[in-house]
Amino acid sequence: MAAGGPSVFLLMVNGQVESAQFPEFDNLYCKYCFVYGQDWAPTAGLEEGISQITSKSRDACHALVWNFPIDITFKSTNPFGWPQIVLSVYGPDVFGNDVVRGYGAVHVPFSPGRHKRTIPMFVPESTSKLQKFTSMYLVTSDLQVAPLSGHN
């Protein structure tokens, strides 16, 4: 190996956000982004994306199917800050405004091969009845989501 700098390794992520189940909601779309440590850098592909709006399937499970492709390559000198994918799901409220319906994150798998991950989605909820009431009439979301930067 030639002297002159630290060696790097590559992490290639190819896959898709397949589907979700939000029984009480319809017409939802998904956003993804990656968060990672300071020694990581994307070298190819997209760090973030937004899917199409999908409706619930007509079968018994009522899944929301996106089949949303993901393709990105990272390089790093060490595994600290291993990348995570962060998903946010949005949909219209009763006034037609887009509000967050759930969010979750999972680390990119550590081993090579085919992997299927189920990401628990956290659903924002008001902490008091007064907040629930005012959010309905003031057309505000229970959760304000700040844009995520590319790394921690």
N, C-alpha and C. Protein backbone atom coordinates (compact mmCIF):
# COMPACT_ATOMS: atom_id res chain seq x y z
N MET A 1 0.85 -1.18 0.00
CA MET A 1 0.00 0.00 0.00
C MET A 1 0.89 1.24 0.00
N ALA A 2 0.52 2.21 -0.77
CA ALA A 2 1.30 3.44 -0.88
C ALA A 2 1.08 4.31 0.34
N ALA A 3 2.15 4.87 0.85
CA ALA A 3 2.03 5.80 1.96
C ALA A 3 1.56 7.14 1.42
N GLY A 4 0.87 7.86 2.25
CA GLY A 4 0.43 9.16 1.78
C GLY A 4 -0.92 9.58 2.33
N GLY A 5 -1.60 8.72 2.98
CA GLY A 5 -2.89 9.10 3.53
C GLY A 5 -3.64 7.90 4.05
N PRO A 6 -4.66 8.16 4.80
CA PRO A 6 -5.42 7.03 5.34
C PRO A 6 -6.18 6.30 4.23
N SER A 7 -6.31 5.00 4.41
CA SER A 7 -7.08 4.24 3.42
C SER A 7 -8.57 4.45 3.70
N VAL A 8 -9.36 4.28 2.67
CA VAL A 8 -10.80 4.45 2.79
C VAL A 8 -11.50 3.16 2.39
N PHE A 9 -12.74 3.04 2.84
CA PHE A 9 -13.58 1.96 2.37
C PHE A 9 -14.88 2.56 1.86
N LEU A 10 -15.57 1.81 1.01
CA LEU A 10 -16.82 2.27 0.42
C LEU A 10 -17.98 1.47 0.97
N LEU A 11 -19.11 2.13 1.09
CA LEU A 11 -20.37 1.50 1.49
C LEU A 11 -21.39 1.87 0.41
N MET A 12 -21.88 0.86 -0.29
CA MET A 12 -22.88 1.08 -1.33
C MET A 12 -24.24 0.62 -0.82
N VAL A 13 -25.23 1.49 -0.95
CA VAL A 13 -26.59 1.19 -0.50
C VAL A 13 -27.50 1.24 -1.71
N ASN A 14 -28.11 0.10 -2.03
CA ASN A 14 -29.09 0.00 -3.11
C ASN A 14 -30.32 -0.66 -2.54
N GLY A 15 -31.46 -0.07 -2.75
CA GLY A 15 -32.68 -0.68 -2.23
C GLY A 15 -33.89 0.17 -2.51
N GLN A 16 -34.89 -0.02 -1.67
CA GLN A 16 -36.12 0.74 -1.85
C GLN A 16 -36.89 0.84 -0.55
N VAL A 17 -37.66 1.90 -0.44
CA VAL A 17 -38.69 1.99 0.59
C VAL A 17 -39.91 1.36 -0.05
N GLU A 18 -40.25 0.18 0.41
CA GLU A 18 -41.27 -0.61 -0.25
C GLU A 18 -42.69 -0.15 0.08
N SER A 19 -43.04 -0.16 1.37
CA SER A 19 -44.43 0.16 1.73
C SER A 19 -44.51 0.53 3.20
N ALA A 20 -45.69 0.97 3.60
CA ALA A 20 -45.95 1.31 5.00
C ALA A 20 -47.41 1.02 5.31
N GLN A 21 -47.68 0.95 6.59
CA GLN A 21 -49.07 0.79 7.03
C GLN A 21 -49.41 1.88 8.03
N PHE A 22 -50.30 2.74 7.62
CA PHE A 22 -50.87 3.79 8.46
C PHE A 22 -52.39 3.64 8.32
N PRO A 23 -53.01 2.76 9.11
CA PRO A 23 -54.42 2.42 8.90
C PRO A 23 -55.38 3.62 8.89
N GLU A 24 -55.05 4.64 9.64
CA GLU A 24 -55.99 5.77 9.75
C GLU A 24 -55.77 6.85 8.70
N PHE A 25 -54.74 6.70 7.84
CA PHE A 25 -54.43 7.74 6.87
C PHE A 25 -54.36 7.19 5.46
N ASP A 26 -54.56 8.07 4.49
CA ASP A 26 -54.47 7.72 3.08
C ASP A 26 -53.77 8.87 2.35
N ASN A 27 -53.37 8.64 1.11
CA ASN A 27 -52.72 9.66 0.28
C ASN A 27 -51.48 10.23 0.95
N LEU A 28 -50.53 9.35 1.26
CA LEU A 28 -49.31 9.75 1.95
C LEU A 28 -48.10 9.68 1.01
N TYR A 29 -47.08 10.44 1.34
CA TYR A 29 -45.81 10.37 0.63
C TYR A 29 -44.69 10.28 1.64
N CYS A 30 -43.53 9.87 1.16
CA CYS A 30 -42.39 9.58 2.02
C CYS A 30 -41.20 10.44 1.61
N LYS A 31 -40.44 10.88 2.60
CA LYS A 31 -39.16 11.55 2.36
C LYS A 31 -38.09 10.74 3.08
N TYR A 32 -36.90 10.67 2.49
CA TYR A 32 -35.80 10.05 3.19
C TYR A 32 -34.59 10.97 3.14
N CYS A 33 -33.71 10.80 4.10
CA CYS A 33 -32.39 11.43 4.08
C CYS A 33 -31.46 10.53 4.88
N PHE A 34 -30.19 10.73 4.71
CA PHE A 34 -29.20 9.98 5.46
C PHE A 34 -28.52 10.91 6.44
N VAL A 35 -28.23 10.39 7.63
CA VAL A 35 -27.41 11.10 8.60
C VAL A 35 -26.20 10.21 8.88
N TYR A 36 -25.04 10.83 9.09
CA TYR A 36 -23.81 10.06 9.22
C TYR A 36 -22.76 10.90 9.93
N GLY A 37 -21.71 10.25 10.39
CA GLY A 37 -20.63 10.91 11.11
C GLY A 37 -19.74 11.77 10.24
N GLN A 38 -18.88 12.53 10.89
CA GLN A 38 -18.07 13.51 10.17
C GLN A 38 -17.00 12.89 9.28
N ASP A 39 -16.63 11.64 9.50
CA ASP A 39 -15.64 10.99 8.63
C ASP A 39 -16.25 10.38 7.38
N TRP A 40 -17.56 10.45 7.27
CA TRP A 40 -18.27 9.86 6.12
C TRP A 40 -18.55 10.94 5.08
N ALA A 41 -18.52 10.52 3.81
CA ALA A 41 -18.85 11.45 2.73
C ALA A 41 -19.55 10.67 1.61
N PRO A 42 -20.65 11.22 1.10
CA PRO A 42 -21.28 10.58 -0.06
C PRO A 42 -20.42 10.81 -1.30
N THR A 43 -20.26 9.76 -2.11
CA THR A 43 -19.46 9.89 -3.33
C THR A 43 -20.31 9.76 -4.59
N ALA A 44 -21.48 9.16 -4.47
CA ALA A 44 -22.38 9.00 -5.63
C ALA A 44 -23.80 8.80 -5.10
N GLY A 45 -24.76 9.14 -5.92
CA GLY A 45 -26.16 8.93 -5.55
C GLY A 45 -26.77 10.13 -4.83
N LEU A 46 -27.99 9.93 -4.36
CA LEU A 46 -28.75 11.00 -3.72
C LEU A 46 -28.83 10.81 -2.22
N GLU A 47 -28.55 11.88 -1.47
CA GLU A 47 -28.63 11.84 0.00
C GLU A 47 -30.05 11.96 0.51
N GLU A 48 -30.93 12.49 -0.30
CA GLU A 48 -32.32 12.66 0.14
C GLU A 48 -33.25 12.54 -1.05
N GLY A 49 -34.50 12.24 -0.76
CA GLY A 49 -35.47 12.09 -1.84
C GLY A 49 -36.88 12.18 -1.32
N ILE A 50 -37.81 12.32 -2.24
CA ILE A 50 -39.23 12.42 -1.92
C ILE A 50 -39.99 11.54 -2.91
N SER A 51 -40.93 10.77 -2.40
CA SER A 51 -41.67 9.81 -3.23
C SER A 51 -42.92 10.44 -3.82
N GLN A 52 -43.62 9.64 -4.58
CA GLN A 52 -44.94 10.03 -5.08
C GLN A 52 -45.97 9.85 -3.95
N ILE A 53 -47.14 10.43 -4.13
CA ILE A 53 -48.25 10.21 -3.20
C ILE A 53 -48.90 8.89 -3.57
N THR A 54 -49.19 8.08 -2.56
CA THR A 54 -49.82 6.79 -2.81
C THR A 54 -51.09 6.64 -1.97
N SER A 55 -51.99 5.84 -2.49
CA SER A 55 -53.24 5.53 -1.79
C SER A 55 -53.16 4.12 -1.24
N LYS A 56 -53.97 3.84 -0.24
CA LYS A 56 -54.01 2.51 0.36
C LYS A 56 -54.41 1.47 -0.67
N SER A 57 -53.82 0.28 -0.54
CA SER A 57 -54.20 -0.83 -1.41
C SER A 57 -55.61 -1.29 -1.06
N ARG A 58 -56.23 -1.95 -1.98
CA ARG A 58 -57.62 -2.37 -1.79
C ARG A 58 -57.73 -3.74 -1.12
N ASP A 59 -56.60 -4.37 -0.83
CA ASP A 59 -56.65 -5.68 -0.18
C ASP A 59 -56.84 -5.53 1.33
N ALA A 60 -56.78 -6.63 2.04
CA ALA A 60 -57.07 -6.64 3.48
C ALA A 60 -56.04 -5.88 4.32
N CYS A 61 -54.79 -5.79 3.86
CA CYS A 61 -53.77 -5.13 4.69
C CYS A 61 -53.74 -3.61 4.51
N HIS A 62 -54.33 -3.09 3.47
CA HIS A 62 -54.41 -1.63 3.21
C HIS A 62 -53.04 -0.96 3.25
N ALA A 63 -52.06 -1.58 2.62
CA ALA A 63 -50.70 -1.04 2.60
C ALA A 63 -50.61 0.17 1.67
N LEU A 64 -49.72 1.06 2.00
CA LEU A 64 -49.35 2.18 1.15
C LEU A 64 -48.06 1.78 0.45
N VAL A 65 -48.10 1.54 -0.84
CA VAL A 65 -46.95 1.01 -1.57
C VAL A 65 -46.28 2.14 -2.35
N TRP A 66 -44.98 2.32 -2.08
CA TRP A 66 -44.20 3.32 -2.80
C TRP A 66 -43.20 2.69 -3.76
N ASN A 67 -42.50 1.63 -3.35
CA ASN A 67 -41.40 1.06 -4.13
C ASN A 67 -40.43 2.17 -4.56
N PHE A 68 -40.03 2.96 -3.58
CA PHE A 68 -39.24 4.18 -3.75
C PHE A 68 -37.74 3.82 -3.76
N PRO A 69 -37.04 3.96 -4.90
CA PRO A 69 -35.65 3.50 -4.98
C PRO A 69 -34.67 4.39 -4.20
N ILE A 70 -33.65 3.73 -3.67
CA ILE A 70 -32.56 4.40 -2.95
C ILE A 70 -31.26 3.86 -3.52
N ASP A 71 -30.34 4.76 -3.84
CA ASP A 71 -29.05 4.36 -4.38
C ASP A 71 -28.02 5.42 -3.99
N ILE A 72 -27.09 5.05 -3.12
CA ILE A 72 -26.07 6.00 -2.66
C ILE A 72 -24.81 5.24 -2.31
N THR A 73 -23.66 5.88 -2.47
CA THR A 73 -22.38 5.31 -2.07
C THR A 73 -21.69 6.30 -1.14
N PHE A 74 -21.16 5.77 -0.05
CA PHE A 74 -20.41 6.57 0.93
C PHE A 74 -18.97 6.08 0.96
N LYS A 75 -18.08 6.97 1.39
CA LYS A 75 -16.71 6.56 1.71
C LYS A 75 -16.39 7.05 3.11
N SER A 76 -15.51 6.31 3.79
CA SER A 76 -15.11 6.68 5.14
C SER A 76 -13.76 6.07 5.45
N THR A 77 -13.13 6.59 6.50
CA THR A 77 -11.87 6.03 6.98
C THR A 77 -12.08 5.16 8.21
N ASN A 78 -13.26 5.25 8.85
CA ASN A 78 -13.57 4.40 10.00
C ASN A 78 -15.08 4.26 10.14
N PRO A 79 -15.54 3.23 10.86
CA PRO A 79 -16.97 2.98 10.93
C PRO A 79 -17.75 3.87 11.90
N PHE A 80 -17.06 4.69 12.69
CA PHE A 80 -17.76 5.56 13.63
C PHE A 80 -18.70 6.50 12.87
N GLY A 81 -19.91 6.62 13.31
CA GLY A 81 -20.90 7.46 12.63
C GLY A 81 -21.54 6.76 11.45
N TRP A 82 -21.61 5.42 11.51
CA TRP A 82 -22.20 4.62 10.43
C TRP A 82 -23.52 5.22 9.97
N PRO A 83 -23.78 5.32 8.69
CA PRO A 83 -24.98 6.00 8.18
C PRO A 83 -26.30 5.38 8.66
N GLN A 84 -27.26 6.25 8.85
CA GLN A 84 -28.63 5.86 9.15
C GLN A 84 -29.53 6.49 8.09
N ILE A 85 -30.59 5.78 7.76
CA ILE A 85 -31.61 6.37 6.89
C ILE A 85 -32.75 6.85 7.79
N VAL A 86 -33.18 8.07 7.54
CA VAL A 86 -34.27 8.68 8.31
C VAL A 86 -35.45 8.83 7.36
N LEU A 87 -36.59 8.28 7.75
CA LEU A 87 -37.81 8.36 6.94
C LEU A 87 -38.82 9.25 7.64
N SER A 88 -39.51 10.05 6.86
CA SER A 88 -40.63 10.86 7.34
C SER A 88 -41.78 10.63 6.38
N VAL A 89 -42.96 10.43 6.93
CA VAL A 89 -44.14 10.22 6.10
C VAL A 89 -45.09 11.39 6.33
N TYR A 90 -45.58 11.95 5.23
CA TYR A 90 -46.44 13.13 5.28
C TYR A 90 -47.76 12.86 4.57
N GLY A 91 -48.78 13.60 4.98
CA GLY A 91 -50.07 13.51 4.32
C GLY A 91 -50.91 14.72 4.67
N PRO A 92 -52.03 14.87 3.99
CA PRO A 92 -52.87 16.05 4.22
C PRO A 92 -53.68 15.94 5.51
N ASP A 93 -53.89 17.10 6.16
CA ASP A 93 -54.82 17.14 7.28
C ASP A 93 -56.20 17.50 6.72
N VAL A 94 -57.16 17.78 7.59
CA VAL A 94 -58.52 18.05 7.12
C VAL A 94 -58.61 19.32 6.28
N PHE A 95 -57.61 20.21 6.39
CA PHE A 95 -57.61 21.45 5.61
C PHE A 95 -56.76 21.35 4.35
N GLY A 96 -56.17 20.18 4.10
CA GLY A 96 -55.35 19.99 2.92
C GLY A 96 -53.88 20.37 3.10
N ASN A 97 -53.47 20.73 4.30
CA ASN A 97 -52.07 21.05 4.58
C ASN A 97 -51.28 19.78 4.83
N ASP A 98 -50.06 19.71 4.32
CA ASP A 98 -49.21 18.54 4.57
C ASP A 98 -48.68 18.59 6.00
N VAL A 99 -48.89 17.50 6.72
CA VAL A 99 -48.40 17.37 8.09
C VAL A 99 -47.69 16.04 8.22
N VAL A 100 -46.74 15.97 9.16
CA VAL A 100 -46.00 14.72 9.37
C VAL A 100 -46.94 13.70 10.02
N ARG A 101 -46.94 12.49 9.47
CA ARG A 101 -47.78 11.40 9.98
C ARG A 101 -46.95 10.36 10.71
N GLY A 102 -45.63 10.40 10.53
CA GLY A 102 -44.75 9.48 11.22
C GLY A 102 -43.32 9.69 10.78
N TYR A 103 -42.39 9.26 11.64
CA TYR A 103 -40.98 9.36 11.31
C TYR A 103 -40.23 8.26 12.04
N GLY A 104 -39.13 7.84 11.45
CA GLY A 104 -38.32 6.78 12.05
C GLY A 104 -36.96 6.72 11.38
N ALA A 105 -36.05 5.95 11.99
CA ALA A 105 -34.69 5.83 11.46
C ALA A 105 -34.16 4.43 11.75
N VAL A 106 -33.22 4.00 10.92
CA VAL A 106 -32.55 2.72 11.11
C VAL A 106 -31.15 2.82 10.50
N HIS A 107 -30.19 2.14 11.14
CA HIS A 107 -28.84 2.09 10.57
C HIS A 107 -28.86 1.29 9.27
N VAL A 108 -28.02 1.70 8.34
CA VAL A 108 -27.78 0.90 7.15
C VAL A 108 -27.16 -0.41 7.65
N PRO A 109 -27.56 -1.56 7.10
CA PRO A 109 -27.00 -2.84 7.59
C PRO A 109 -25.47 -2.86 7.53
N PHE A 110 -24.88 -3.52 8.53
CA PHE A 110 -23.42 -3.58 8.66
C PHE A 110 -22.79 -4.65 7.78
N SER A 111 -23.54 -5.67 7.41
CA SER A 111 -22.98 -6.78 6.64
C SER A 111 -23.49 -6.73 5.20
N PRO A 112 -22.68 -7.21 4.25
CA PRO A 112 -23.12 -7.21 2.85
C PRO A 112 -24.24 -8.22 2.63
N GLY A 113 -24.99 -8.02 1.57
CA GLY A 113 -26.05 -8.96 1.23
C GLY A 113 -27.40 -8.28 1.12
N ARG A 114 -28.43 -9.11 1.02
CA ARG A 114 -29.81 -8.61 0.93
C ARG A 114 -30.38 -8.50 2.33
N HIS A 115 -31.00 -7.38 2.61
CA HIS A 115 -31.57 -7.14 3.93
C HIS A 115 -32.95 -6.52 3.78
N LYS A 116 -33.83 -6.87 4.71
CA LYS A 116 -35.15 -6.24 4.76
C LYS A 116 -35.30 -5.69 6.17
N ARG A 117 -35.58 -4.42 6.26
CA ARG A 117 -35.72 -3.75 7.55
C ARG A 117 -37.15 -3.22 7.70
N THR A 118 -37.69 -3.39 8.88
CA THR A 118 -38.96 -2.77 9.23
C THR A 118 -38.62 -1.63 10.19
N ILE A 119 -39.03 -0.44 9.84
CA ILE A 119 -38.69 0.74 10.64
C ILE A 119 -39.91 1.15 11.46
N PRO A 120 -39.80 1.11 12.78
CA PRO A 120 -40.92 1.61 13.59
C PRO A 120 -41.10 3.11 13.34
N MET A 121 -42.32 3.50 13.10
CA MET A 121 -42.60 4.91 12.84
C MET A 121 -43.20 5.53 14.09
N PHE A 122 -42.65 6.65 14.49
CA PHE A 122 -43.16 7.38 15.64
C PHE A 122 -44.14 8.42 15.13
N VAL A 123 -45.26 8.48 15.77
CA VAL A 123 -46.33 9.37 15.33
C VAL A 123 -46.41 10.54 16.31
N PRO A 124 -46.30 11.76 15.81
CA PRO A 124 -46.39 12.92 16.72
C PRO A 124 -47.77 13.04 17.32
N GLU A 125 -47.80 13.42 18.58
CA GLU A 125 -49.07 13.58 19.26
C GLU A 125 -48.96 14.76 20.22
N SER A 126 -50.02 15.52 20.32
CA SER A 126 -50.04 16.64 21.26
C SER A 126 -49.96 16.12 22.68
N THR A 127 -49.34 16.92 23.55
CA THR A 127 -49.17 16.49 24.93
C THR A 127 -50.35 16.85 25.82
N SER A 128 -51.22 17.72 25.35
CA SER A 128 -52.38 18.08 26.16
C SER A 128 -53.62 18.23 25.29
N LYS A 129 -54.75 18.18 25.91
CA LYS A 129 -56.01 18.35 25.18
C LYS A 129 -56.10 19.76 24.59
N LEU A 130 -55.57 20.74 25.29
CA LEU A 130 -55.58 22.11 24.78
C LEU A 130 -54.76 22.21 23.50
N GLN A 131 -53.58 21.59 23.46
CA GLN A 131 -52.77 21.61 22.25
C GLN A 131 -53.48 20.91 21.10
N LYS A 132 -54.14 19.77 21.37
CA LYS A 132 -54.88 19.07 20.33
C LYS A 132 -55.98 19.96 19.77
N PHE A 133 -56.70 20.63 20.65
CA PHE A 133 -57.80 21.49 20.24
C PHE A 133 -57.29 22.67 19.41
N THR A 134 -56.24 23.35 19.90
CA THR A 134 -55.74 24.52 19.17
C THR A 134 -55.09 24.13 17.85
N SER A 135 -54.44 22.97 17.79
CA SER A 135 -53.81 22.57 16.53
C SER A 135 -54.86 22.27 15.47
N MET A 136 -56.05 21.82 15.88
CA MET A 136 -57.12 21.57 14.91
C MET A 136 -57.62 22.87 14.30
N TYR A 137 -57.72 23.92 15.09
CA TYR A 137 -58.31 25.16 14.61
C TYR A 137 -57.31 26.20 14.12
N LEU A 138 -56.07 26.07 14.53
CA LEU A 138 -55.06 27.01 14.07
C LEU A 138 -54.26 26.46 12.89
N VAL A 139 -54.62 25.28 12.43
CA VAL A 139 -54.01 24.63 11.27
C VAL A 139 -52.49 24.53 11.47
N THR A 140 -52.09 24.00 12.61
CA THR A 140 -50.67 23.76 12.86
C THR A 140 -50.47 22.29 13.13
N SER A 141 -49.30 21.83 12.84
CA SER A 141 -48.96 20.45 13.13
C SER A 141 -48.54 20.32 14.58
N ASP A 142 -48.71 19.13 15.13
CA ASP A 142 -48.26 18.87 16.50
C ASP A 142 -46.74 18.86 16.58
N LEU A 143 -46.09 18.65 15.47
CA LEU A 143 -44.65 18.55 15.46
C LEU A 143 -44.09 19.41 14.35
N GLN A 144 -43.10 20.20 14.68
CA GLN A 144 -42.41 20.98 13.66
C GLN A 144 -41.13 20.24 13.33
N VAL A 145 -40.94 19.86 12.09
CA VAL A 145 -39.78 19.08 11.68
C VAL A 145 -38.78 20.02 11.01
N ALA A 146 -37.58 20.08 11.60
CA ALA A 146 -36.53 20.90 11.02
C ALA A 146 -35.80 20.10 9.95
N PRO A 147 -35.35 20.74 8.90
CA PRO A 147 -34.58 20.01 7.89
C PRO A 147 -33.32 19.43 8.52
N LEU A 148 -32.95 18.23 8.13
CA LEU A 148 -31.78 17.57 8.67
C LEU A 148 -30.56 17.92 7.84
N SER A 149 -29.45 18.12 8.51
CA SER A 149 -28.20 18.35 7.78
C SER A 149 -27.66 17.00 7.36
N GLY A 150 -26.69 16.99 6.49
CA GLY A 150 -26.15 15.75 5.95
C GLY A 150 -25.40 14.90 6.94
N HIS A 151 -24.91 15.46 8.04
CA HIS A 151 -24.16 14.66 9.01
C HIS A 151 -24.41 15.17 10.40
N ASN A 152 -24.02 14.33 11.38
CA ASN A 152 -24.21 14.66 12.81
C ASN A 152 -23.19 15.66 13.27
